[in-house]
PDB file of N, CA and C in Angstrom:
ATOM      1  N   UNK A   1     -12.209  20.942  17.699  1.00  0.00           N
ATOM      2  CA  UNK A   1     -12.370  19.528  17.448  1.00  0.00           C
ATOM      3  C   UNK A   1     -10.992  18.878  17.303  1.00  0.00           C
ATOM      4  N   UNK A   2     -10.821  17.728  17.925  1.00  0.00           N
ATOM      5  CA  UNK A   2      -9.562  16.987  17.868  1.00  0.00           C
ATOM      6  C   UNK A   2      -9.675  15.911  16.792  1.00  0.00           C
ATOM      7  N   UNK A   3      -8.796  16.003  15.781  1.00  0.00           N
ATOM      8  CA  UNK A   3      -8.858  15.103  14.636  1.00  0.00           C
ATOM      9  C   UNK A   3      -7.556  14.311  14.545  1.00  0.00           C
ATOM     10  N   UNK A   4      -7.700  12.997  14.488  1.00  0.00           N
ATOM     11  CA  UNK A   4      -6.563  12.095  14.321  1.00  0.00           C
ATOM     12  C   UNK A   4      -6.601  11.540  12.903  1.00  0.00           C
ATOM     13  N   UNK A   5      -5.542  11.808  12.139  1.00  0.00           N
ATOM     14  CA  UNK A   5      -5.428  11.297  10.775  1.00  0.00           C
ATOM     15  C   UNK A   5      -4.575  10.040  10.792  1.00  0.00           C
ATOM     16  N   UNK A   6      -5.068   8.992  10.141  1.00  0.00           N
ATOM     17  CA  UNK A   6      -4.364   7.713  10.142  1.00  0.00           C
ATOM     18  C   UNK A   6      -4.187   7.207   8.712  1.00  0.00           C
ATOM     19  N   UNK A   7      -2.951   6.745   8.433  1.00  0.00           N
ATOM     20  CA  UNK A   7      -2.700   6.011   7.188  1.00  0.00           C
ATOM     21  C   UNK A   7      -1.796   4.820   7.533  1.00  0.00           C
ATOM     22  N   UNK A   8      -1.200   4.208   6.550  1.00  0.00           N
ATOM     23  CA  UNK A   8      -0.416   2.996   6.813  1.00  0.00           C
ATOM     24  C   UNK A   8       0.881   3.270   7.571  1.00  0.00           C
ATOM     25  N   UNK A   9       1.688   4.189   7.078  1.00  0.00           N
ATOM     26  CA  UNK A   9       3.016   4.425   7.648  1.00  0.00           C
ATOM     27  C   UNK A   9       3.171   5.764   8.363  1.00  0.00           C
ATOM     28  N   UNK A  10       2.208   6.652   8.233  1.00  0.00           N
ATOM     29  CA  UNK A  10       2.295   8.015   8.781  1.00  0.00           C
ATOM     30  C   UNK A  10       3.501   8.760   8.206  1.00  0.00           C
ATOM     31  N   UNK A  11       3.694   8.615   6.905  1.00  0.00           N
ATOM     32  CA  UNK A  11       4.790   9.331   6.252  1.00  0.00           C
ATOM     33  C   UNK A  11       4.275  10.347   5.244  1.00  0.00           C
ATOM     34  N   UNK A  12       3.221  10.015   4.534  1.00  0.00           N
ATOM     35  CA  UNK A  12       2.768  10.890   3.453  1.00  0.00           C
ATOM     36  C   UNK A  12       1.372  11.457   3.677  1.00  0.00           C
ATOM     37  N   UNK A  13       0.360  10.621   3.590  1.00  0.00           N
ATOM     38  CA  UNK A  13      -1.023  11.118   3.627  1.00  0.00           C
ATOM     39  C   UNK A  13      -1.416  11.700   4.972  1.00  0.00           C
ATOM     40  N   UNK A  14      -1.296  10.934   6.041  1.00  0.00           N
ATOM     41  CA  UNK A  14      -1.753  11.433   7.350  1.00  0.00           C
ATOM     42  C   UNK A  14      -0.847  12.547   7.879  1.00  0.00           C
ATOM     43  N   UNK A  15       0.434  12.460   7.603  1.00  0.00           N
ATOM     44  CA  UNK A  15       1.367  13.511   8.037  1.00  0.00           C
ATOM     45  C   UNK A  15       1.046  14.825   7.319  1.00  0.00           C
ATOM     46  N   UNK A  16       0.766  14.747   6.021  1.00  0.00           N
ATOM     47  CA  UNK A  16       0.387  15.944   5.257  1.00  0.00           C
ATOM     48  C   UNK A  16      -0.909  16.521   5.812  1.00  0.00           C
ATOM     49  N   UNK A  17      -1.898  15.665   6.075  1.00  0.00           N
ATOM     50  CA  UNK A  17      -3.191  16.125   6.588  1.00  0.00           C
ATOM     51  C   UNK A  17      -3.041  16.790   7.961  1.00  0.00           C
ATOM     52  N   UNK A  18      -2.237  16.189   8.822  1.00  0.00           N
ATOM     53  CA  UNK A  18      -2.019  16.763  10.161  1.00  0.00           C
ATOM     54  C   UNK A  18      -1.513  18.195  10.055  1.00  0.00           C
ATOM     55  N   UNK A  19      -0.541  18.426   9.196  1.00  0.00           N
ATOM     56  CA  UNK A  19       0.042  19.763   9.063  1.00  0.00           C
ATOM     57  C   UNK A  19      -0.891  20.720   8.323  1.00  0.00           C
ATOM     58  N   UNK A  20      -1.572  20.205   7.337  1.00  0.00           N
ATOM     59  CA  UNK A  20      -2.447  21.037   6.510  1.00  0.00           C
ATOM     60  C   UNK A  20      -3.610  21.627   7.305  1.00  0.00           C
ATOM     61  N   UNK A  21      -4.149  20.848   8.253  1.00  0.00           N
ATOM     62  CA  UNK A  21      -5.354  21.267   8.977  1.00  0.00           C
ATOM     63  C   UNK A  21      -5.097  21.686  10.423  1.00  0.00           C
ATOM     64  N   UNK A  22      -3.846  21.856  10.800  1.00  0.00           N
ATOM     65  CA  UNK A  22      -3.565  22.187  12.210  1.00  0.00           C
ATOM     66  C   UNK A  22      -4.071  23.559  12.615  1.00  0.00           C
ATOM     67  N   UNK A  23      -4.330  24.445  11.665  1.00  0.00           N
ATOM     68  CA  UNK A  23      -4.890  25.755  12.014  1.00  0.00           C
ATOM     69  C   UNK A  23      -6.409  25.732  12.145  1.00  0.00           C
ATOM     70  N   UNK A  24      -7.036  24.669  11.642  1.00  0.00           N
ATOM     71  CA  UNK A  24      -8.499  24.538  11.705  1.00  0.00           C
ATOM     72  C   UNK A  24      -8.954  23.664  12.868  1.00  0.00           C
ATOM     73  N   UNK A  25      -8.167  22.631  13.162  1.00  0.00           N
ATOM     74  CA  UNK A  25      -8.498  21.645  14.196  1.00  0.00           C
ATOM     75  C   UNK A  25      -7.266  21.408  15.061  1.00  0.00           C
ATOM     76  N   UNK A  26      -7.470  20.721  16.178  1.00  0.00           N
ATOM     77  CA  UNK A  26      -6.327  20.166  16.914  1.00  0.00           C
ATOM     78  C   UNK A  26      -6.027  18.848  16.214  1.00  0.00           C
ATOM     79  N   UNK A  27      -4.830  18.722  15.662  1.00  0.00           N
ATOM     80  CA  UNK A  27      -4.543  17.552  14.836  1.00  0.00           C
ATOM     81  C   UNK A  27      -3.377  16.735  15.358  1.00  0.00           C
ATOM     82  N   UNK A  28      -3.466  15.445  15.091  1.00  0.00           N
ATOM     83  CA  UNK A  28      -2.370  14.495  15.291  1.00  0.00           C
ATOM     84  C   UNK A  28      -2.447  13.512  14.136  1.00  0.00           C
ATOM     85  N   UNK A  29      -1.360  12.782  13.919  1.00  0.00           N
ATOM     86  CA  UNK A  29      -1.391  11.744  12.896  1.00  0.00           C
ATOM     87  C   UNK A  29      -0.680  10.502  13.421  1.00  0.00           C
ATOM     88  N   UNK A  30      -1.030   9.382  12.810  1.00  0.00           N
ATOM     89  CA  UNK A  30      -0.446   8.102  13.224  1.00  0.00           C
ATOM     90  C   UNK A  30      -0.508   7.126  12.062  1.00  0.00           C
ATOM     91  N   UNK A  31       0.286   6.070  12.191  1.00  0.00           N
ATOM     92  CA  UNK A  31       0.268   4.998  11.202  1.00  0.00           C
ATOM     93  C   UNK A  31      -0.202   3.708  11.840  1.00  0.00           C
ATOM     94  N   UNK A  32      -0.571   2.781  10.996  1.00  0.00           N
ATOM     95  CA  UNK A  32      -1.006   1.472  11.492  1.00  0.00           C
ATOM     96  C   UNK A  32       0.110   0.430  11.420  1.00  0.00           C
ATOM     97  N   UNK A  33       1.015   0.584  10.472  1.00  0.00           N
ATOM     98  CA  UNK A  33       1.997  -0.474  10.199  1.00  0.00           C
ATOM     99  C   UNK A  33       3.431   0.033  10.260  1.00  0.00           C
ATOM    100  N   UNK A  34       3.685   1.038  11.096  1.00  0.00           N
ATOM    101  CA  UNK A  34       5.041   1.564  11.227  1.00  0.00           C
ATOM    102  C   UNK A  34       5.651   1.098  12.551  1.00  0.00           C
ATOM    103  N   UNK A  35       6.817   1.638  12.877  1.00  0.00           N
ATOM    104  CA  UNK A  35       7.518   1.214  14.095  1.00  0.00           C
ATOM    105  C   UNK A  35       6.762   1.569  15.366  1.00  0.00           C
ATOM    106  N   UNK A  36       6.033   2.692  15.339  1.00  0.00           N
ATOM    107  CA  UNK A  36       5.238   3.110  16.502  1.00  0.00           C
ATOM    108  C   UNK A  36       3.791   3.246  16.058  1.00  0.00           C
ATOM    109  N   UNK A  37       3.062   2.133  15.962  1.00  0.00           N
ATOM    110  CA  UNK A  37       1.681   2.208  15.474  1.00  0.00           C
ATOM    111  C   UNK A  37       0.747   2.958  16.432  1.00  0.00           C
ATOM    112  N   UNK A  38      -0.369   3.379  15.887  1.00  0.00           N
ATOM    113  CA  UNK A  38      -1.363   4.138  16.642  1.00  0.00           C
ATOM    114  C   UNK A  38      -1.690   3.428  17.956  1.00  0.00           C
ATOM    115  N   UNK A  39      -1.873   4.231  18.998  1.00  0.00           N
ATOM    116  CA  UNK A  39      -2.103   3.673  20.333  1.00  0.00           C
ATOM    117  C   UNK A  39      -3.547   3.908  20.780  1.00  0.00           C
ATOM    118  N   UNK A  40      -3.926   3.192  21.803  1.00  0.00           N
ATOM    119  CA  UNK A  40      -5.240   3.377  22.407  1.00  0.00           C
ATOM    120  C   UNK A  40      -5.392   4.808  22.929  1.00  0.00           C
ATOM    121  N   UNK A  41      -4.320   5.356  23.465  1.00  0.00           N
ATOM    122  CA  UNK A  41      -4.343   6.726  23.983  1.00  0.00           C
ATOM    123  C   UNK A  41      -4.648   7.725  22.856  1.00  0.00           C
ATOM    124  N   UNK A  42      -4.034   7.529  21.688  1.00  0.00           N
ATOM    125  CA  UNK A  42      -4.286   8.423  20.556  1.00  0.00           C
ATOM    126  C   UNK A  42      -5.739   8.304  20.081  1.00  0.00           C
ATOM    127  N   UNK A  43      -6.237   7.084  20.004  1.00  0.00           N
ATOM    128  CA  UNK A  43      -7.629   6.863  19.582  1.00  0.00           C
ATOM    129  C   UNK A  43      -8.574   7.536  20.582  1.00  0.00           C
ATOM    130  N   UNK A  44      -8.295   7.382  21.860  1.00  0.00           N
ATOM    131  CA  UNK A  44      -9.140   7.988  22.901  1.00  0.00           C
ATOM    132  C   UNK A  44      -9.143   9.507  22.810  1.00  0.00           C
ATOM    133  N   UNK A  45      -7.995  10.089  22.487  1.00  0.00           N
ATOM    134  CA  UNK A  45      -7.845  11.551  22.416  1.00  0.00           C
ATOM    135  C   UNK A  45      -8.767  12.172  21.365  1.00  0.00           C
ATOM    136  N   UNK A  46      -8.959  11.498  20.264  1.00  0.00           N
ATOM    137  CA  UNK A  46      -9.621  12.089  19.102  1.00  0.00           C
ATOM    138  C   UNK A  46     -11.141  12.176  19.233  1.00  0.00           C
ATOM    139  N   UNK A  47     -11.683  13.304  18.766  1.00  0.00           N
ATOM    140  CA  UNK A  47     -13.134  13.421  18.589  1.00  0.00           C
ATOM    141  C   UNK A  47     -13.553  12.742  17.292  1.00  0.00           C
ATOM    142  N   UNK A  48     -12.712  12.897  16.284  1.00  0.00           N
ATOM    143  CA  UNK A  48     -12.954  12.316  14.961  1.00  0.00           C
ATOM    144  C   UNK A  48     -11.663  11.660  14.495  1.00  0.00           C
ATOM    145  N   UNK A  49     -11.800  10.484  13.911  1.00  0.00           N
ATOM    146  CA  UNK A  49     -10.659   9.789  13.330  1.00  0.00           C
ATOM    147  C   UNK A  49     -10.874   9.753  11.823  1.00  0.00           C
ATOM    148  N   UNK A  50      -9.856  10.176  11.097  1.00  0.00           N
ATOM    149  CA  UNK A  50      -9.938  10.197   9.641  1.00  0.00           C
ATOM    150  C   UNK A  50      -8.919   9.215   9.093  1.00  0.00           C
ATOM    151  N   UNK A  51      -9.411   8.183   8.412  1.00  0.00           N
ATOM    152  CA  UNK A  51      -8.530   7.209   7.769  1.00  0.00           C
ATOM    153  C   UNK A  51      -8.492   7.502   6.275  1.00  0.00           C
ATOM    154  N   UNK A  52      -7.438   7.054   5.638  1.00  0.00           N
ATOM    155  CA  UNK A  52      -7.288   7.318   4.213  1.00  0.00           C
ATOM    156  C   UNK A  52      -7.938   6.241   3.350  1.00  0.00           C
ATOM    157  N   UNK A  53      -8.116   5.037   3.906  1.00  0.00           N
ATOM    158  CA  UNK A  53      -8.709   3.920   3.161  1.00  0.00           C
ATOM    159  C   UNK A  53      -9.630   3.131   4.089  1.00  0.00           C
ATOM    160  N   UNK A  54     -10.649   2.506   3.518  1.00  0.00           N
ATOM    161  CA  UNK A  54     -11.597   1.720   4.313  1.00  0.00           C
ATOM    162  C   UNK A  54     -10.923   0.582   5.074  1.00  0.00           C
ATOM    163  N   UNK A  55      -9.885  -0.013   4.493  1.00  0.00           N
ATOM    164  CA  UNK A  55      -9.206  -1.128   5.167  1.00  0.00           C
ATOM    165  C   UNK A  55      -8.594  -0.672   6.496  1.00  0.00           C
ATOM    166  N   UNK A  56      -8.235   0.597   6.590  1.00  0.00           N
ATOM    167  CA  UNK A  56      -7.662   1.120   7.841  1.00  0.00           C
ATOM    168  C   UNK A  56      -8.735   1.224   8.918  1.00  0.00           C
ATOM    169  N   UNK A  57      -9.945   1.531   8.516  1.00  0.00           N
ATOM    170  CA  UNK A  57     -11.066   1.547   9.466  1.00  0.00           C
ATOM    171  C   UNK A  57     -11.257   0.151  10.051  1.00  0.00           C
ATOM    172  N   UNK A  58     -11.200  -0.851   9.200  1.00  0.00           N
ATOM    173  CA  UNK A  58     -11.356  -2.247   9.650  1.00  0.00           C
ATOM    174  C   UNK A  58     -10.247  -2.639  10.614  1.00  0.00           C
ATOM    175  N   UNK A  59      -9.042  -2.196  10.335  1.00  0.00           N
ATOM    176  CA  UNK A  59      -7.905  -2.517  11.204  1.00  0.00           C
ATOM    177  C   UNK A  59      -8.067  -1.869  12.575  1.00  0.00           C
ATOM    178  N   UNK A  60      -8.561  -0.654  12.615  1.00  0.00           N
ATOM    179  CA  UNK A  60      -8.821   0.014  13.899  1.00  0.00           C
ATOM    180  C   UNK A  60      -9.895  -0.758  14.674  1.00  0.00           C
ATOM    181  N   UNK A  61     -10.912  -1.229  13.983  1.00  0.00           N
ATOM    182  CA  UNK A  61     -11.967  -2.017  14.633  1.00  0.00           C
ATOM    183  C   UNK A  61     -11.402  -3.291  15.250  1.00  0.00           C
ATOM    184  N   UNK A  62     -10.451  -3.923  14.573  1.00  0.00           N
ATOM    185  CA  UNK A  62      -9.834  -5.146  15.087  1.00  0.00           C
ATOM    186  C   UNK A  62      -8.960  -4.864  16.302  1.00  0.00           C
ATOM    187  N   UNK A  63      -8.189  -3.794  16.236  1.00  0.00           N
ATOM    188  CA  UNK A  63      -7.232  -3.502  17.309  1.00  0.00           C
ATOM    189  C   UNK A  63      -7.887  -2.867  18.536  1.00  0.00           C
ATOM    190  N   UNK A  64      -8.914  -2.065  18.305  1.00  0.00           N
ATOM    191  CA  UNK A  64      -9.541  -1.307  19.400  1.00  0.00           C
ATOM    192  C   UNK A  64     -11.066  -1.447  19.337  1.00  0.00           C
ATOM    193  N   UNK A  65     -11.607  -2.653  19.503  1.00  0.00           N
ATOM    194  CA  UNK A  65     -13.047  -2.862  19.289  1.00  0.00           C
ATOM    195  C   UNK A  65     -13.955  -2.011  20.171  1.00  0.00           C
ATOM    196  N   UNK A  66     -13.597  -1.821  21.433  1.00  0.00           N
ATOM    197  CA  UNK A  66     -14.461  -1.025  22.321  1.00  0.00           C
ATOM    198  C   UNK A  66     -14.446   0.448  21.935  1.00  0.00           C
ATOM    199  N   UNK A  67     -13.258   0.988  21.694  1.00  0.00           N
ATOM    200  CA  UNK A  67     -13.145   2.396  21.311  1.00  0.00           C
ATOM    201  C   UNK A  67     -13.754   2.654  19.938  1.00  0.00           C
ATOM    202  N   UNK A  68     -13.601   1.699  19.045  1.00  0.00           N
ATOM    203  CA  UNK A  68     -14.099   1.849  17.675  1.00  0.00           C
ATOM    204  C   UNK A  68     -15.591   2.196  17.660  1.00  0.00           C
ATOM    205  N   UNK A  69     -16.337   1.549  18.528  1.00  0.00           N
ATOM    206  CA  UNK A  69     -17.790   1.757  18.561  1.00  0.00           C
ATOM    207  C   UNK A  69     -18.155   3.142  19.107  1.00  0.00           C
ATOM    208  N   UNK A  70     -17.238   3.785  19.805  1.00  0.00           N
ATOM    209  CA  UNK A  70     -17.512   5.089  20.416  1.00  0.00           C
ATOM    210  C   UNK A  70     -17.049   6.263  19.557  1.00  0.00           C
ATOM    211  N   UNK A  71     -16.379   5.979  18.453  1.00  0.00           N
ATOM    212  CA  UNK A  71     -15.733   7.036  17.672  1.00  0.00           C
ATOM    213  C   UNK A  71     -16.401   7.259  16.324  1.00  0.00           C
ATOM    214  N   UNK A  72     -16.352   8.504  15.890  1.00  0.00           N
ATOM    215  CA  UNK A  72     -16.754   8.834  14.530  1.00  0.00           C
ATOM    216  C   UNK A  72     -15.515   8.651  13.658  1.00  0.00           C
ATOM    217  N   UNK A  73     -15.598   7.727  12.717  1.00  0.00           N
ATOM    218  CA  UNK A  73     -14.455   7.423  11.858  1.00  0.00           C
ATOM    219  C   UNK A  73     -14.859   7.664  10.410  1.00  0.00           C
ATOM    220  N   UNK A  74     -14.129   8.554   9.754  1.00  0.00           N
ATOM    221  CA  UNK A  74     -14.417   8.895   8.368  1.00  0.00           C
ATOM    222  C   UNK A  74     -13.311   8.353   7.475  1.00  0.00           C
ATOM    223  N   UNK A  75     -13.701   7.802   6.339  1.00  0.00           N
ATOM    224  CA  UNK A  75     -12.728   7.324   5.363  1.00  0.00           C
ATOM    225  C   UNK A  75     -12.723   8.269   4.172  1.00  0.00           C
ATOM    226  N   UNK A  76     -11.536   8.743   3.812  1.00  0.00           N
ATOM    227  CA  UNK A  76     -11.418   9.688   2.699  1.00  0.00           C
ATOM    228  C   UNK A  76     -11.233   8.996   1.350  1.00  0.00           C
ATOM    229  N   UNK A  77     -10.942   7.704   1.357  1.00  0.00           N
ATOM    230  CA  UNK A  77     -10.753   6.953   0.123  1.00  0.00           C
ATOM    231  C   UNK A  77      -9.646   7.583  -0.742  1.00  0.00           C
ATOM    232  N   UNK A  78      -8.494   7.804  -0.117  1.00  0.00           N
ATOM    233  CA  UNK A  78      -7.326   8.350  -0.814  1.00  0.00           C
ATOM    234  C   UNK A  78      -6.271   7.244  -0.888  1.00  0.00           C
ATOM    235  N   UNK A  79      -5.953   6.781  -2.088  1.00  0.00           N
ATOM    236  CA  UNK A  79      -4.992   5.676  -2.225  1.00  0.00           C
ATOM    237  C   UNK A  79      -3.571   6.097  -1.854  1.00  0.00           C
ATOM    238  N   UNK A  80      -2.752   5.110  -1.578  1.00  0.00           N
ATOM    239  CA  UNK A  80      -1.370   5.338  -1.149  1.00  0.00           C
ATOM    240  C   UNK A  80      -0.462   5.520  -2.372  1.00  0.00           C
ATOM    241  N   UNK A  81      -0.696   6.587  -3.120  1.00  0.00           N
ATOM    242  CA  UNK A  81       0.080   6.840  -4.340  1.00  0.00           C
ATOM    243  C   UNK A  81       0.740   8.218  -4.315  1.00  0.00           C
ATOM    244  N   UNK A  82       0.646   8.911  -3.181  1.00  0.00           N
ATOM    245  CA  UNK A  82       1.147  10.279  -3.089  1.00  0.00           C
ATOM    246  C   UNK A  82       2.391  10.364  -2.221  1.00  0.00           C
ATOM    247  N   UNK A  83       3.154  11.418  -2.460  1.00  0.00           N
ATOM    248  CA  UNK A  83       4.293  11.735  -1.612  1.00  0.00           C
ATOM    249  C   UNK A  83       3.883  12.807  -0.607  1.00  0.00           C
ATOM    250  N   UNK A  84       4.704  12.970   0.412  1.00  0.00           N
ATOM    251  CA  UNK A  84       4.474  13.965   1.449  1.00  0.00           C
ATOM    252  C   UNK A  84       4.335  15.355   0.830  1.00  0.00           C
ATOM    253  N   UNK A  85       3.258  16.050   1.181  1.00  0.00           N
ATOM    254  CA  UNK A  85       2.980  17.419   0.724  1.00  0.00           C
ATOM    255  C   UNK A  85       2.871  17.574  -0.796  1.00  0.00           C
ATOM    256  N   UNK A  86       2.651  16.497  -1.498  1.00  0.00           N
ATOM    257  CA  UNK A  86       2.469  16.575  -2.952  1.00  0.00           C
ATOM    258  C   UNK A  86       1.239  17.433  -3.254  1.00  0.00           C
ATOM    259  N   UNK A  87       1.329  18.384  -4.196  1.00  0.00           N
ATOM    260  CA  UNK A  87       0.211  19.299  -4.461  1.00  0.00           C
ATOM    261  C   UNK A  87      -1.120  18.586  -4.754  1.00  0.00           C
ATOM    262  N   UNK A  88      -1.081  17.481  -5.477  1.00  0.00           N
ATOM    263  CA  UNK A  88      -2.323  16.748  -5.751  1.00  0.00           C
ATOM    264  C   UNK A  88      -2.926  16.169  -4.476  1.00  0.00           C
ATOM    265  N   UNK A  89      -2.068  15.713  -3.566  1.00  0.00           N
ATOM    266  CA  UNK A  89      -2.545  15.198  -2.278  1.00  0.00           C
ATOM    267  C   UNK A  89      -3.160  16.328  -1.460  1.00  0.00           C
ATOM    268  N   UNK A  90      -2.498  17.470  -1.423  1.00  0.00           N
ATOM    269  CA  UNK A  90      -3.009  18.622  -0.675  1.00  0.00           C
ATOM    270  C   UNK A  90      -4.387  19.024  -1.202  1.00  0.00           C
ATOM    271  N   UNK A  91      -4.527  19.112  -2.508  1.00  0.00           N
ATOM    272  CA  UNK A  91      -5.818  19.483  -3.113  1.00  0.00           C
ATOM    273  C   UNK A  91      -6.902  18.461  -2.798  1.00  0.00           C
ATOM    274  N   UNK A  92      -6.557  17.187  -2.881  1.00  0.00           N
ATOM    275  CA  UNK A  92      -7.527  16.126  -2.585  1.00  0.00           C
ATOM    276  C   UNK A  92      -7.955  16.189  -1.123  1.00  0.00           C
ATOM    277  N   UNK A  93      -7.006  16.346  -0.222  1.00  0.00           N
ATOM    278  CA  UNK A  93      -7.329  16.450   1.208  1.00  0.00           C
ATOM    279  C   UNK A  93      -8.236  17.644   1.479  1.00  0.00           C
ATOM    280  N   UNK A  94      -7.909  18.794   0.907  1.00  0.00           N
ATOM    281  CA  UNK A  94      -8.714  19.996   1.128  1.00  0.00           C
ATOM    282  C   UNK A  94     -10.154  19.783   0.667  1.00  0.00           C
ATOM    283  N   UNK A  95     -10.325  19.192  -0.482  1.00  0.00           N
ATOM    284  CA  UNK A  95     -11.690  19.014  -1.001  1.00  0.00           C
ATOM    285  C   UNK A  95     -12.473  17.995  -0.175  1.00  0.00           C
ATOM    286  N   UNK A  96     -11.804  16.961   0.319  1.00  0.00           N
ATOM    287  CA  UNK A  96     -12.512  15.922   1.069  1.00  0.00           C
ATOM    288  C   UNK A  96     -12.767  16.302   2.526  1.00  0.00           C
ATOM    289  N   UNK A  97     -11.965  17.196   3.069  1.00  0.00           N
ATOM    290  CA  UNK A  97     -12.115  17.605   4.470  1.00  0.00           C
ATOM    291  C   UNK A  97     -13.040  18.818   4.605  1.00  0.00           C
ATOM    292  N   UNK A  98     -13.333  19.492   3.521  1.00  0.00           N
ATOM    293  CA  UNK A  98     -14.135  20.729   3.597  1.00  0.00           C
ATOM    294  C   UNK A  98     -15.463  20.524   4.321  1.00  0.00           C
ATOM    295  N   UNK A  99     -16.054  19.337   4.221  1.00  0.00           N
ATOM    296  CA  UNK A  99     -17.341  19.074   4.894  1.00  0.00           C
ATOM    297  C   UNK A  99     -17.185  18.958   6.418  1.00  0.00           C
ATOM    298  N   UNK A 100     -15.980  18.675   6.899  1.00  0.00           N
ATOM    299  CA  UNK A 100     -15.744  18.584   8.351  1.00  0.00           C
ATOM    300  C   UNK A 100     -15.822  19.963   9.015  1.00  0.00           C
ATOM    301  N   UNK A 101     -15.273  20.950   8.321  1.00  0.00           N
ATOM    302  CA  UNK A 101     -15.207  22.300   8.872  1.00  0.00           C
ATOM    303  C   UNK A 101     -16.605  22.886   8.908  1.00  0.00           C
TER     304      UNK A 101
END
């Protein structure tokens, strides 16, 4: 399964998730508000898109309305309060992603 993890900047949450689950899934990560925001090609590639907050799901719907309707998009409801690879973030990601596997 190809999983695209998305957060605001692709520095902490989605980057950690991409690395954490790369042995379980084919993973990529992207941001919505960074210098190179998520592209239509990345959205198309993914079987499942995992966002960290519901507002990111809404932003994907605005930017890619046709693709949005064709994709399974899951929101993990993880606030932007963690650093890259922070142990609490890793534990939270593992517990919330366990149902995907």
